[in-house]
Protein backbone atom coordinates (compact mmCIF):
# COMPACT_ATOMS: atom_id res chain seq x y z
CA UNK A 1 98.45 78.46 -57.24
CA UNK A 2 94.88 77.64 -57.68
CA UNK A 3 92.47 80.54 -57.69
CA UNK A 4 88.94 80.42 -56.50
CA UNK A 5 86.33 81.57 -59.28
CA UNK A 6 85.60 84.86 -58.15
CA UNK A 7 84.83 88.73 -59.87
CA UNK A 8 85.65 92.55 -59.04
CA UNK A 9 86.63 95.68 -60.14
CA UNK A 10 89.76 97.59 -61.19
CA UNK A 11 89.77 100.93 -59.75
CA UNK A 12 93.01 102.88 -58.57
CA UNK A 13 93.03 104.60 -55.08
CA UNK A 14 93.50 108.09 -56.85
CA UNK A 15 89.82 107.53 -58.12
CA UNK A 16 88.03 107.49 -55.42
CA UNK A 17 85.77 110.69 -54.24
CA UNK A 18 87.20 112.82 -51.87
CA UNK A 19 86.95 116.49 -51.10
CA UNK A 20 90.65 116.64 -51.02
CA UNK A 21 91.39 116.82 -55.23
CA UNK A 22 92.38 113.00 -55.00
CA UNK A 23 91.12 109.80 -53.86
CA UNK A 24 92.87 108.59 -50.34
CA UNK A 25 92.39 105.73 -47.90
CA UNK A 26 89.62 108.09 -45.96
CA UNK A 27 85.97 107.45 -45.21
CA UNK A 28 85.14 106.91 -48.66
CA UNK A 29 87.48 104.23 -49.62
CA UNK A 30 85.70 102.20 -46.71
CA UNK A 31 82.64 103.14 -48.44
CA UNK A 32 83.70 101.45 -51.54
CA UNK A 33 84.85 98.68 -49.88
CA UNK A 34 81.19 98.11 -48.73
CA UNK A 35 80.03 98.56 -52.42
CA UNK A 36 82.03 95.41 -53.06
CA UNK A 37 80.61 93.33 -50.65
CA UNK A 38 77.19 94.56 -51.12
CA UNK A 39 77.69 93.55 -54.83
CA UNK A 40 79.11 90.47 -54.24
CA UNK A 41 82.40 91.29 -55.45
CA UNK A 42 85.82 89.78 -53.96
CA UNK A 43 88.50 91.40 -55.69
CA UNK A 44 89.60 94.75 -55.89
CA UNK A 45 92.38 95.24 -58.25
CA UNK A 46 94.92 98.65 -57.98
CA UNK A 47 97.31 100.05 -60.32
CA UNK A 48 101.23 100.25 -58.60
CA UNK A 49 100.69 102.26 -55.29
CA UNK A 50 104.36 103.95 -55.51
CA UNK A 51 104.96 107.90 -55.31
CA UNK A 52 104.60 109.00 -58.93
CA UNK A 53 106.81 111.38 -60.73
CA UNK A 54 106.76 113.74 -63.91
CA UNK A 55 103.50 113.05 -66.22
CA UNK A 56 101.79 111.22 -62.86
CA UNK A 57 101.55 107.58 -64.21
CA UNK A 58 101.58 105.25 -61.43
CA UNK A 59 104.23 103.12 -63.70
CA UNK A 60 106.97 105.53 -63.61
CA UNK A 61 107.47 105.95 -59.78
CA UNK A 62 110.20 107.44 -57.86
CA UNK A 63 110.63 104.28 -55.85
CA UNK A 64 109.27 100.65 -56.34
CA UNK A 65 108.96 100.02 -52.59
CA UNK A 66 107.49 103.65 -51.06
CA UNK A 67 103.78 104.39 -51.51
CA UNK A 68 102.14 107.63 -52.56
CA UNK A 69 101.73 109.93 -50.12
CA UNK A 70 98.67 111.76 -51.87
CA UNK A 71 96.83 108.75 -50.77
CA UNK A 72 97.27 109.62 -46.95
CA UNK A 73 94.11 110.82 -45.70
CA UNK A 74 93.79 113.97 -44.15
CA UNK A 75 90.59 113.15 -42.40
CA UNK A 76 92.36 110.13 -40.60
CA UNK A 77 95.41 112.61 -39.52
CA UNK A 78 92.60 114.80 -38.17
CA UNK A 79 90.86 111.65 -35.97
CA UNK A 80 94.85 111.08 -34.65
CA UNK A 81 95.15 114.63 -33.82
CA UNK A 82 98.29 115.55 -36.41
CA UNK A 83 96.01 117.86 -37.78
CA UNK A 84 92.93 120.25 -36.73
CA UNK A 85 89.50 120.64 -38.49
CA UNK A 86 90.63 124.28 -39.42
CA UNK A 87 93.62 122.82 -41.46
CA UNK A 88 91.20 121.42 -43.93
CA UNK A 89 88.32 124.25 -44.26
CA UNK A 90 91.28 126.12 -46.24
CA UNK A 91 91.30 123.11 -48.76
CA UNK A 92 91.11 124.62 -52.27
CA UNK A 93 87.84 124.09 -54.24
CA UNK A 94 88.84 121.28 -55.83
CA UNK A 95 87.15 119.57 -59.00
CA UNK A 96 85.12 116.41 -57.82
CA UNK A 97 85.46 114.95 -61.49
CA UNK A 98 89.28 114.69 -62.16
CA UNK A 99 92.34 114.69 -60.07
CA UNK A 100 93.94 117.90 -59.81
CA UNK A 101 97.53 117.10 -59.01
CA UNK A 102 98.99 120.69 -59.57
CA UNK A 103 97.12 122.01 -56.58
CA UNK A 104 96.96 118.67 -54.71
CA UNK A 105 100.36 118.38 -54.49
CA UNK A 106 101.32 121.69 -52.99
CA UNK A 107 97.86 121.81 -50.99
CA UNK A 108 99.16 118.29 -49.37
CA UNK A 109 102.53 119.07 -48.94
CA UNK A 110 101.26 122.21 -46.30
CA UNK A 111 99.30 119.55 -44.82
CA UNK A 112 101.95 117.33 -44.06
CA UNK A 113 104.39 119.49 -42.93
CA UNK A 114 102.16 120.80 -40.48
CA UNK A 115 100.97 116.85 -39.19
CA UNK A 116 104.93 115.96 -39.08
CA UNK A 117 105.46 118.95 -36.52
CA UNK A 118 102.43 117.82 -34.35
CA UNK A 119 103.65 113.85 -34.69
CA UNK A 120 106.94 115.39 -33.31
CA UNK A 121 105.58 117.27 -30.70
CA UNK A 122 102.26 115.25 -30.12
CA UNK A 123 102.18 111.67 -30.72
CA UNK A 124 101.60 109.13 -28.37
CA UNK A 125 104.42 107.02 -26.86
CA UNK A 126 103.05 103.98 -28.81
CA UNK A 127 102.81 105.69 -32.11
CA UNK A 128 106.58 107.18 -32.03
CA UNK A 129 107.76 103.44 -30.67
CA UNK A 130 105.76 102.22 -34.01
CA UNK A 131 107.41 104.97 -36.10
CA UNK A 132 111.15 103.68 -34.68
CA UNK A 133 110.31 100.10 -35.63
CA UNK A 134 108.86 101.18 -38.87
CA UNK A 135 112.05 103.14 -39.45
CA UNK A 136 114.36 100.36 -38.37
CA UNK A 137 112.38 97.41 -40.14
CA UNK A 138 112.38 99.15 -43.47
CA UNK A 139 116.12 100.80 -43.60
CA UNK A 140 116.70 98.81 -46.42
CA UNK A 141 114.71 101.09 -48.69
CA UNK A 142 113.70 103.61 -46.80
CA UNK A 143 117.09 105.78 -45.64
CA UNK A 144 117.53 105.87 -49.68
CA UNK A 145 114.55 106.69 -50.54
CA UNK A 146 113.78 109.37 -47.79
CA UNK A 147 117.42 110.88 -48.71
CA UNK A 148 116.55 110.70 -52.53
CA UNK A 149 113.59 112.98 -52.44
CA UNK A 150 114.43 115.21 -49.99
CA UNK A 151 117.79 115.92 -52.26
CA UNK A 152 115.56 116.43 -54.78
CA UNK A 153 113.19 118.84 -53.47
CA UNK A 154 116.43 120.63 -52.24
CA UNK A 155 117.65 121.23 -56.01
CA UNK A 156 114.62 121.62 -57.58
CA UNK A 157 113.72 124.70 -55.50
CA UNK A 158 117.70 125.82 -55.61
CA UNK A 159 117.48 125.91 -59.71
CA UNK A 160 113.50 127.05 -60.18
CA UNK A 161 115.40 130.16 -57.81
CA UNK A 162 118.55 130.54 -59.91
CA UNK A 163 117.10 130.01 -62.98
CA UNK A 164 119.21 129.49 -66.35
CA UNK A 165 122.37 129.96 -64.40
CA UNK A 166 125.76 129.54 -65.43
CA UNK A 167 125.38 125.90 -63.91
CA UNK A 168 122.37 125.53 -66.02
CA UNK A 169 124.45 126.21 -69.21
CA UNK A 170 127.54 124.49 -67.86
CA UNK A 171 125.03 121.26 -67.55
CA UNK A 172 123.55 121.86 -70.88
CA UNK A 173 127.18 122.19 -72.79
CA UNK A 174 128.10 118.80 -70.44
CA UNK A 175 124.97 116.80 -72.06
CA UNK A 176 124.62 117.84 -75.52
CA UNK A 177 125.31 114.40 -77.07
CA UNK A 178 123.11 112.62 -74.70
CA UNK A 179 119.94 114.81 -73.96
CA UNK A 180 117.68 117.14 -76.52
CA UNK A 181 117.31 120.81 -75.28
CA UNK A 182 113.84 120.09 -74.17
CA UNK A 183 115.21 116.87 -72.04
CA UNK A 184 117.67 118.89 -70.99
CA UNK A 185 115.57 121.36 -69.03
CA UNK A 186 113.28 118.45 -67.83
CA UNK A 187 116.32 116.87 -66.29
CA UNK A 188 118.01 119.99 -64.85
CA UNK A 189 114.92 122.00 -63.45
CA UNK A 190 113.55 118.41 -62.43
CA UNK A 191 116.77 117.64 -60.53
CA UNK A 192 116.82 114.22 -61.77
CA UNK A 193 119.58 112.51 -60.04
CA UNK A 194 122.18 112.08 -62.80
CA UNK A 195 122.23 116.28 -62.75
CA UNK A 196 123.29 116.44 -58.98
CA UNK A 197 127.08 116.94 -57.86
CA UNK A 198 129.07 114.35 -58.82
CA UNK A 199 129.92 113.03 -55.42
CA UNK A 200 125.88 112.44 -54.94
CA UNK A 201 125.61 110.53 -58.18
CA UNK A 202 128.43 108.26 -57.10
CA UNK A 203 127.21 107.71 -53.52
CA UNK A 204 130.19 108.66 -51.83
CA UNK A 205 129.85 107.75 -48.33
CA UNK A 206 131.43 111.28 -46.87
CA UNK A 207 128.87 113.57 -49.61
CA UNK A 208 125.77 110.78 -48.15
CA UNK A 209 126.73 111.27 -44.81
CA UNK A 210 127.08 115.79 -44.97
CA UNK A 211 123.62 115.83 -46.96
CA UNK A 212 121.63 113.69 -44.53
CA UNK A 213 122.73 115.96 -41.55
CA UNK A 214 121.93 118.59 -44.07
CA UNK A 215 118.31 117.64 -44.76
CA UNK A 216 117.58 115.84 -41.65
CA UNK A 217 114.08 117.30 -41.14
CA UNK A 218 113.01 116.89 -44.67
CA UNK A 219 114.22 113.21 -44.43
CA UNK A 220 112.48 112.67 -41.09
CA UNK A 221 109.17 113.69 -42.45
CA UNK A 222 109.31 111.84 -45.49
CA UNK A 223 110.11 108.90 -43.18
CA UNK A 224 106.90 109.87 -41.47
CA UNK A 225 104.93 109.87 -44.56
CA UNK A 226 105.89 105.91 -45.43
CA UNK A 227 105.05 105.37 -41.70
CA UNK A 228 101.58 106.87 -41.93
CA UNK A 229 100.90 105.63 -45.57
CA UNK A 230 101.73 101.82 -44.88
CA UNK A 231 99.23 102.44 -41.65
CA UNK A 232 96.40 103.95 -43.34
CA UNK A 233 96.73 101.69 -46.47
CA UNK A 234 97.05 98.36 -43.89
CA UNK A 235 94.26 99.27 -42.36
CA UNK A 236 92.12 99.60 -45.09
CA UNK A 237 93.42 96.10 -46.46
CA UNK A 238 92.61 94.55 -43.42
CA UNK A 239 88.81 95.94 -43.85
CA UNK A 240 88.49 94.66 -47.06
CA UNK A 241 89.97 91.21 -45.97
CA UNK A 242 87.73 90.71 -43.34
CA UNK A 243 85.16 91.34 -45.82
CA UNK A 244 86.15 88.51 -47.95
CA UNK A 245 87.84 90.86 -50.75
CA UNK A 246 91.21 90.16 -51.74
CA UNK A 247 93.21 92.93 -53.20
CA UNK A 248 95.15 92.64 -56.52
CA UNK A 249 98.34 94.73 -56.50
CA UNK A 250 100.73 95.93 -59.88
CA UNK A 251 103.66 96.07 -60.28
CA UNK A 252 105.43 97.65 -63.38
CA UNK A 253 108.36 95.30 -64.77
CA UNK A 254 110.59 97.94 -64.94
CA UNK A 255 111.66 100.67 -62.45
CA UNK A 256 111.58 105.22 -63.17
CA UNK A 257 115.14 106.37 -64.47
CA UNK A 258 114.61 108.74 -61.91
CA UNK A 259 114.20 106.95 -59.01
CA UNK A 260 115.73 106.02 -55.66
CA UNK A 261 115.87 102.46 -57.29
CA UNK A 262 118.05 103.46 -59.89
CA UNK A 263 120.19 105.68 -58.11
CA UNK A 264 121.08 103.38 -54.97
CA UNK A 265 121.43 100.16 -57.04
CA UNK A 266 123.16 101.79 -60.41
CA UNK A 267 124.74 97.88 -60.94
CA UNK A 268 121.11 96.44 -61.77
CA UNK A 269 120.62 98.60 -64.96
CA UNK A 270 122.70 99.07 -68.02
CA UNK A 271 123.69 103.03 -67.29
CA UNK A 272 127.31 104.40 -68.09
CA UNK A 273 129.80 105.95 -66.11
CA UNK A 274 128.01 109.09 -65.64
CA UNK A 275 124.88 107.73 -64.70
CA UNK A 276 122.68 108.02 -68.26
CA UNK A 277 121.42 104.70 -69.57
CA UNK A 278 122.71 103.37 -72.63
CA UNK A 279 119.30 101.64 -73.57
CA UNK A 280 116.06 101.98 -72.30
CA UNK A 281 112.72 100.39 -72.41
CA UNK A 282 109.80 100.45 -74.65
CA UNK A 283 107.22 98.08 -77.02
CA UNK A 284 107.49 98.00 -80.92
CA UNK A 285 104.75 99.23 -83.30
CA UNK A 286 101.78 97.39 -81.81
CA UNK A 287 97.34 98.15 -81.21
CA UNK A 288 98.16 101.28 -79.55
CA UNK A 289 100.70 103.31 -81.44
CA UNK A 290 102.29 102.84 -85.04
CA UNK A 291 105.73 103.95 -83.54
CA UNK A 292 105.61 101.83 -80.59
CA UNK A 293 105.66 102.97 -77.07
CA UNK A 294 108.94 104.75 -75.89
CA UNK A 295 108.56 104.30 -72.07
CA UNK A 296 112.50 105.28 -71.36
CA UNK A 297 113.20 103.07 -68.14
CA UNK A 298 116.90 101.97 -67.65
CA UNK A 299 116.97 98.34 -68.33
CA UNK A 300 118.40 95.30 -66.36
CA UNK A 301 121.48 94.23 -66.47
CA UNK A 302 120.42 90.54 -65.95
CA UNK A 303 123.81 88.83 -65.72
CA UNK A 304 124.48 91.27 -62.31
CA UNK A 305 121.19 90.38 -61.11
CA UNK A 306 121.83 86.39 -61.54
CA UNK A 307 125.33 86.55 -59.80
CA UNK A 308 122.99 88.23 -57.24
CA UNK A 309 120.89 85.28 -57.00
CA UNK A 310 118.07 87.62 -57.72
CA UNK A 311 118.27 89.74 -54.44
CA UNK A 312 116.53 92.54 -55.43
CA UNK A 313 113.60 91.28 -57.41
CA UNK A 314 113.08 88.86 -54.57
CA UNK A 315 113.37 91.57 -51.98
CA UNK A 316 110.78 93.46 -54.35
CA UNK A 317 108.05 90.91 -54.89
CA UNK A 318 108.52 90.02 -50.76
CA UNK A 319 107.38 93.51 -50.20
CA UNK A 320 104.71 93.86 -52.58
CA UNK A 321 102.90 90.97 -50.90
CA UNK A 322 103.48 92.95 -47.77
CA UNK A 323 100.89 95.24 -49.32
CA UNK A 324 98.68 93.16 -51.80
CA UNK A 325 96.87 89.41 -51.75
CA UNK A 326 97.68 88.92 -55.38
CA UNK A 327 100.02 90.19 -57.81
CA UNK A 328 99.87 91.08 -61.37
CA UNK A 329 103.13 91.84 -62.87
CA UNK A 330 103.12 94.30 -65.75
CA UNK A 331 104.56 93.12 -69.10
CA UNK A 332 105.28 89.74 -68.35
CA UNK A 333 106.28 89.42 -71.94
CA UNK A 334 109.65 91.21 -71.05
CA UNK A 335 110.86 88.39 -68.62
CA UNK A 336 111.46 86.06 -71.73
CA UNK A 337 112.46 89.30 -74.23
CA UNK A 338 112.31 92.94 -73.76
CA UNK A 339 112.51 95.35 -76.66
CA UNK A 340 115.74 97.73 -75.97
CA UNK A 341 115.79 101.04 -77.47
CA UNK A 342 118.99 102.93 -77.77
CA UNK A 343 118.96 105.64 -75.18
CA UNK A 344 118.20 109.28 -77.06
CA UNK A 345 115.97 107.77 -79.75
CA UNK A 346 112.87 109.75 -80.13
CA UNK A 347 110.61 106.43 -80.52
CA UNK A 348 110.54 102.98 -80.20
CA UNK A 349 110.43 102.07 -83.39
CA UNK A 350 114.75 101.21 -83.29
CA UNK A 351 114.75 98.96 -80.90
CA UNK A 352 115.88 95.20 -80.62
CA UNK A 353 114.59 92.00 -79.14
CA UNK A 354 116.94 91.15 -76.31
CA UNK A 355 116.47 87.54 -73.91
CA UNK A 356 115.07 88.12 -70.16
CA UNK A 357 115.97 85.61 -67.24
CA UNK A 358 112.60 83.99 -68.33
CA UNK A 359 112.53 81.16 -65.76
CA UNK A 360 115.44 81.43 -64.26
CA UNK A 361 113.99 84.58 -61.57
CA UNK A 362 111.00 82.85 -60.90
CA UNK A 363 112.83 79.38 -59.70
CA UNK A 364 114.80 81.79 -57.43
CA UNK A 365 111.93 83.50 -56.13
CA UNK A 366 109.77 80.36 -55.53
CA UNK A 367 112.88 78.99 -53.80
CA UNK A 368 112.97 81.98 -51.94
CA UNK A 369 109.30 82.77 -50.78
CA UNK A 370 107.26 79.70 -52.17
CA UNK A 371 104.35 79.66 -54.58
CA UNK A 372 102.57 82.98 -55.03
CA UNK A 373 99.23 84.04 -56.17
CA UNK A 374 101.13 86.14 -59.81
CA UNK A 375 98.74 87.13 -62.68
CA UNK A 376 100.88 87.59 -65.98
CA UNK A 377 100.12 90.74 -67.96
CA UNK A 378 100.38 89.15 -71.52
CA UNK A 379 98.58 91.67 -73.83
CA UNK A 380 100.59 92.87 -76.96
CA UNK A 381 102.82 90.52 -79.56
CA UNK A 382 102.98 87.72 -77.60
CA UNK A 383 105.12 84.80 -79.04
CA UNK A 384 104.90 80.79 -78.36
CA UNK A 385 108.17 81.36 -76.48
CA UNK A 386 106.12 83.62 -74.08
CA UNK A 387 103.22 81.46 -73.88
CA UNK A 388 105.22 78.30 -73.18
CA UNK A 389 107.19 80.43 -70.32
CA UNK A 390 103.52 81.33 -68.56
CA UNK A 391 102.22 78.04 -68.80
CA UNK A 392 105.38 76.61 -67.21
CA UNK A 393 105.00 79.06 -64.41
CA UNK A 394 101.57 78.31 -63.88
CA UNK A 395 100.71 81.84 -64.39
CA UNK A 396 97.19 82.76 -65.70
CA UNK A 397 97.07 85.11 -68.43
CA UNK A 398 94.69 87.98 -69.42
CA UNK A 399 92.12 88.78 -71.96
CA UNK A 400 90.76 91.78 -72.95
CA UNK A 401 87.04 91.71 -74.70
CA UNK A 402 87.77 94.83 -76.66
CA UNK A 403 90.45 92.93 -78.48
CA UNK A 404 87.73 89.60 -79.15
CA UNK A 405 85.96 91.27 -82.08
CA UNK A 406 86.14 91.70 -85.81
CA UNK A 407 88.56 88.87 -86.34
CA UNK A 408 87.67 85.26 -86.80
CA UNK A 409 86.09 82.73 -84.35
CA UNK A 410 89.14 81.44 -83.44
CA UNK A 411 90.49 84.95 -81.91
CA UNK A 412 91.96 83.81 -78.36
CA UNK A 413 90.23 87.01 -76.87
CA UNK A 414 86.70 85.46 -77.53
CA UNK A 415 85.41 83.78 -74.02
CA UNK A 416 84.79 80.38 -75.93
CA UNK A 417 88.47 79.95 -76.86
CA UNK A 418 89.65 80.38 -73.18
CA UNK A 419 91.27 78.32 -70.79
CA UNK A 420 89.96 78.07 -67.25
CA UNK A 421 93.09 79.47 -65.86
CA UNK A 422 92.64 82.93 -67.27
CA UNK A 423 91.80 86.65 -65.89
CA UNK A 424 89.25 88.58 -68.21
CA UNK A 425 88.46 91.93 -68.27
CA UNK A 426 85.99 93.94 -70.16
CA UNK A 427 88.69 96.29 -70.30
CA UNK A 428 92.00 97.76 -68.54
CA UNK A 429 93.00 100.87 -67.49
CA UNK A 430 94.66 101.32 -71.13
CA UNK A 431 92.10 100.80 -73.06
CA UNK A 432 88.74 103.22 -73.56
CA UNK A 433 85.77 102.63 -71.48
CA UNK A 434 83.57 99.95 -73.13
CA UNK A 435 81.11 102.51 -74.05
CA UNK A 436 83.61 104.61 -75.68
CA UNK A 437 85.12 101.46 -77.30
CA UNK A 438 81.72 100.33 -78.72
CA UNK A 439 81.19 103.95 -80.03
CA UNK A 440 84.42 104.13 -82.24
CA UNK A 441 84.33 100.55 -83.08
CA UNK A 442 84.09 99.59 -86.78
CA UNK A 443 80.57 98.40 -88.30
CA UNK A 444 82.26 94.96 -88.58
CA UNK A 445 83.15 95.04 -85.09
CA UNK A 446 79.96 96.41 -84.13
CA UNK A 447 78.02 93.68 -86.14
CA UNK A 448 80.05 90.73 -84.48
CA UNK A 449 79.64 92.36 -80.80
CA UNK A 450 75.68 92.23 -81.42
CA UNK A 451 75.78 88.48 -83.03
CA UNK A 452 78.08 87.16 -80.45
CA UNK A 453 76.19 88.07 -77.59
CA UNK A 454 72.43 88.19 -79.49
CA UNK A 455 72.13 92.22 -78.12
CA UNK A 456 71.19 95.17 -79.99
CA UNK A 457 74.62 97.26 -77.99
CA UNK A 458 72.24 100.04 -76.39
CA UNK A 459 73.81 98.59 -72.94
CA UNK A 460 77.40 97.56 -73.92
CA UNK A 461 79.19 98.17 -70.80
CA UNK A 462 76.79 95.38 -68.55
CA UNK A 463 76.36 93.61 -71.72
CA UNK A 464 80.49 93.11 -71.82
CA UNK A 465 79.93 92.94 -68.04
CA UNK A 466 77.76 89.91 -68.16
CA UNK A 467 79.96 88.31 -70.58
CA UNK A 468 82.78 87.98 -68.49
CA UNK A 469 81.17 86.85 -65.48
CA UNK A 470 79.75 83.81 -67.71
CA UNK A 471 83.24 83.04 -69.32
CA UNK A 472 85.05 80.25 -67.98
CA UNK A 473 87.90 82.45 -66.83
CA UNK A 474 88.65 82.22 -63.28
CA UNK A 475 88.78 85.94 -62.64
CA UNK A 476 86.22 88.25 -64.14
CA UNK A 477 87.21 91.94 -63.84
CA UNK A 478 85.75 95.41 -65.22
CA UNK A 479 87.14 98.92 -64.70
CA UNK A 480 84.52 101.10 -62.47
CA UNK A 481 83.59 102.95 -65.35
CA UNK A 482 82.05 100.21 -67.04
CA UNK A 483 79.82 99.55 -64.14
CA UNK A 484 78.56 102.81 -64.39
CA UNK A 485 78.38 103.15 -67.65
CA UNK A 486 80.72 106.12 -68.37
CA UNK A 487 82.00 107.17 -71.86
CA UNK A 488 85.15 107.92 -73.31
CA UNK A 489 85.20 111.49 -71.40
CA UNK A 490 86.47 109.05 -68.02
CA UNK A 491 89.12 107.41 -69.39
CA UNK A 492 91.99 106.46 -67.45
CA UNK A 493 94.98 106.19 -69.74
CA UNK A 494 95.55 106.69 -73.43
CA UNK A 495 99.10 104.86 -74.15
CA UNK A 496 101.60 107.34 -76.03
CA UNK A 497 99.64 110.36 -75.06
CA UNK A 498 101.31 112.49 -72.38
CA UNK A 499 98.35 114.69 -71.06
CA UNK A 500 95.52 114.16 -69.52
CA UNK A 501 95.83 110.67 -68.05
CA UNK A 502 95.57 109.43 -64.93
CA UNK A 503 92.74 111.85 -63.91
CA UNK A 504 89.56 109.65 -63.49
CA UNK A 505 87.78 110.40 -60.51
CA UNK A 506 83.80 109.20 -59.81
CA UNK A 507 81.39 110.69 -57.08
CA UNK A 508 79.16 108.87 -54.61
CA UNK A 509 76.51 109.68 -56.40
CA UNK A 510 77.40 107.33 -59.19
CA UNK A 511 76.91 104.70 -56.99
CA UNK A 512 73.52 103.26 -57.52
CA UNK A 513 71.69 100.84 -55.56
CA UNK A 514 70.35 98.97 -58.85
CA UNK A 515 73.79 98.34 -59.99
CA UNK A 516 74.48 96.67 -56.46
CA UNK A 517 71.72 94.43 -57.01
CA UNK A 518 72.54 93.95 -60.90
CA UNK A 519 76.37 92.97 -59.76
CA UNK A 520 74.81 90.49 -57.06
CA UNK A 521 72.54 89.17 -59.40
CA UNK A 522 75.01 88.39 -62.14
CA UNK A 523 77.66 87.22 -59.71
CA UNK A 524 75.27 84.77 -58.15
CA UNK A 525 74.24 83.43 -61.64
CA UNK A 526 77.77 82.42 -62.64
CA UNK A 527 78.91 81.19 -59.67
CA UNK A 528 81.39 83.81 -58.35
CA UNK A 529 80.35 84.80 -54.81
CA UNK A 530 83.13 85.07 -52.64
CA UNK A 531 83.18 81.33 -50.57
CA UNK A 532 83.26 81.97 -46.61
CA UNK A 533 85.98 79.76 -44.81
CA UNK A 534 84.12 76.77 -43.32
CA UNK A 535 83.54 76.56 -39.89
CA UNK A 536 86.22 73.96 -39.19
CA UNK A 537 88.82 76.11 -40.71
CA UNK A 538 87.64 79.36 -38.70
CA UNK A 539 88.53 77.13 -35.57
CA UNK A 540 91.52 75.82 -37.02
CA UNK A 541 92.79 79.67 -37.39
CA UNK A 542 91.43 80.87 -33.94
CA UNK A 543 93.42 77.86 -32.52
CA UNK A 544 96.31 78.82 -34.58
CA UNK A 545 96.03 82.44 -33.36
CA UNK A 546 95.81 81.31 -29.87
CA UNK A 547 98.83 79.10 -30.04
CA UNK A 548 100.94 81.86 -31.87
CA UNK A 549 100.09 83.98 -28.56
CA UNK A 550 101.05 81.48 -26.34
CA UNK A 551 104.59 81.30 -27.72
CA UNK A 552 104.94 85.27 -28.08
CA UNK A 553 104.02 85.11 -24.50
CA UNK A 554 106.35 82.18 -23.54
CA UNK A 555 109.22 83.77 -25.67
CA UNK A 556 108.75 87.40 -23.71
CA UNK A 557 108.37 85.53 -20.15
CA UNK A 558 111.50 83.50 -20.98
CA UNK A 559 113.59 86.64 -21.91
CA UNK A 560 112.44 88.50 -19.09
CA UNK A 561 113.80 85.65 -16.93
CA UNK A 562 117.11 85.83 -18.57
CA UNK A 563 117.48 89.68 -18.25
CA UNK A 564 116.63 89.10 -13.87
CA UNK A 565 119.60 86.36 -13.79
CA UNK A 566 121.81 88.90 -15.97
């Protein structure tokens, strides 16, 4: 698909200002969209929106379909009558600078339990009707997900209460050849699905029905929270779209091992008879790590996917476009070939390249969904085969300015080497902030930066934003940290480092009017302002909507007449 020349900001909802320890879909999210509109930006890029698991990474989610309920706004729940203002007065004194997952999770869990009870008792008939419709429409993933997280909660609580019981020692003995001692504890006390009773691991029908009855209340609560997540997100997205702002979403190529996806669809992955992976995902040694990155995700059995005509992937991508306007697919190179590491290895050095489905998958997706706007994340070790695949599919690739300097003038990341079908970033969520990057760059890199842009380096974040804006790349995107001129203390993620990630948050006081004017000036200067639909197109849209309404009325009238005849 052909994109319109545009620019925007990379910011995950968790980083938005909020009184409740983590960014959410409440009033400040709307303030951020207003900020985008005033500054002439037409793109908001987010990270994956799924529920995070151990480590808080949005790229390791309990479900590829579900939403992260921590983004549900307590203030909106109050407005709907599901919470009372007094419920919010007892909030802990959260930091406004970092996401405090340790305290946010129990606090919001308590709020959500109250909200669910009040929803059951006080919800308007229309809300209840919408809830049942949501559950029915999304049963294909919602049923498994709600049961999955309810089972996890149950077994985590049970095992924490029991401590190092005979059951734990039996599990330890059973898995000694598969899991390291510290991993055994994480698996057992974190209630990873492969540690559940065998009848649940194998999804025996009788066992599933028994536990659905036993955990009925918890299951209903998780369904309600998904309903509320999507209701709040859809309202926020509609607000953005009305202001000519498109949402760029993000899906990881792989799913988490401990996820409803893996548990409910084991044939999709290389798993043994006990449910454990035989090989896992990662990347070989690269710019970020000398030992590679061991992600640990189960790898797809692509032969099985091909037999099903890639139905799961088609469903996944279709669902993603219910939530976003444009989709960035993380680790695109893995579709051409992927790095397979034996399960149990301590790092990713002992992996092997295996062939992926390449264009066969995307041909199946296009046949089912038509042409869809996809961005290919093609960073890292990229081969000619990967480049050929991306260009054949017509997907724009990514260029990061932090990777452009210190090499020769043929470096693919230098703007004068871009093809137009490119997305340029000053940096991504995996990079340091631009100020932090420049501070730690070599003198050779700094010299190249200064000569290339004819600058002194004193305002490096905005100099890189200007360079990205001026490039031929169709999209120019920059992390919020660069707009706000923040240093390394505000970095979002450091790959291969397990602690201190995914915590960045900014404050409303950081939003300066001078930056709004500065962004608007650059956006207009380099022809990236959003183009509003011509009046004739608006009129066509209005006519089409009215025609659709009339068709629906006629259909409803016909059905009503048929019922009367019966």
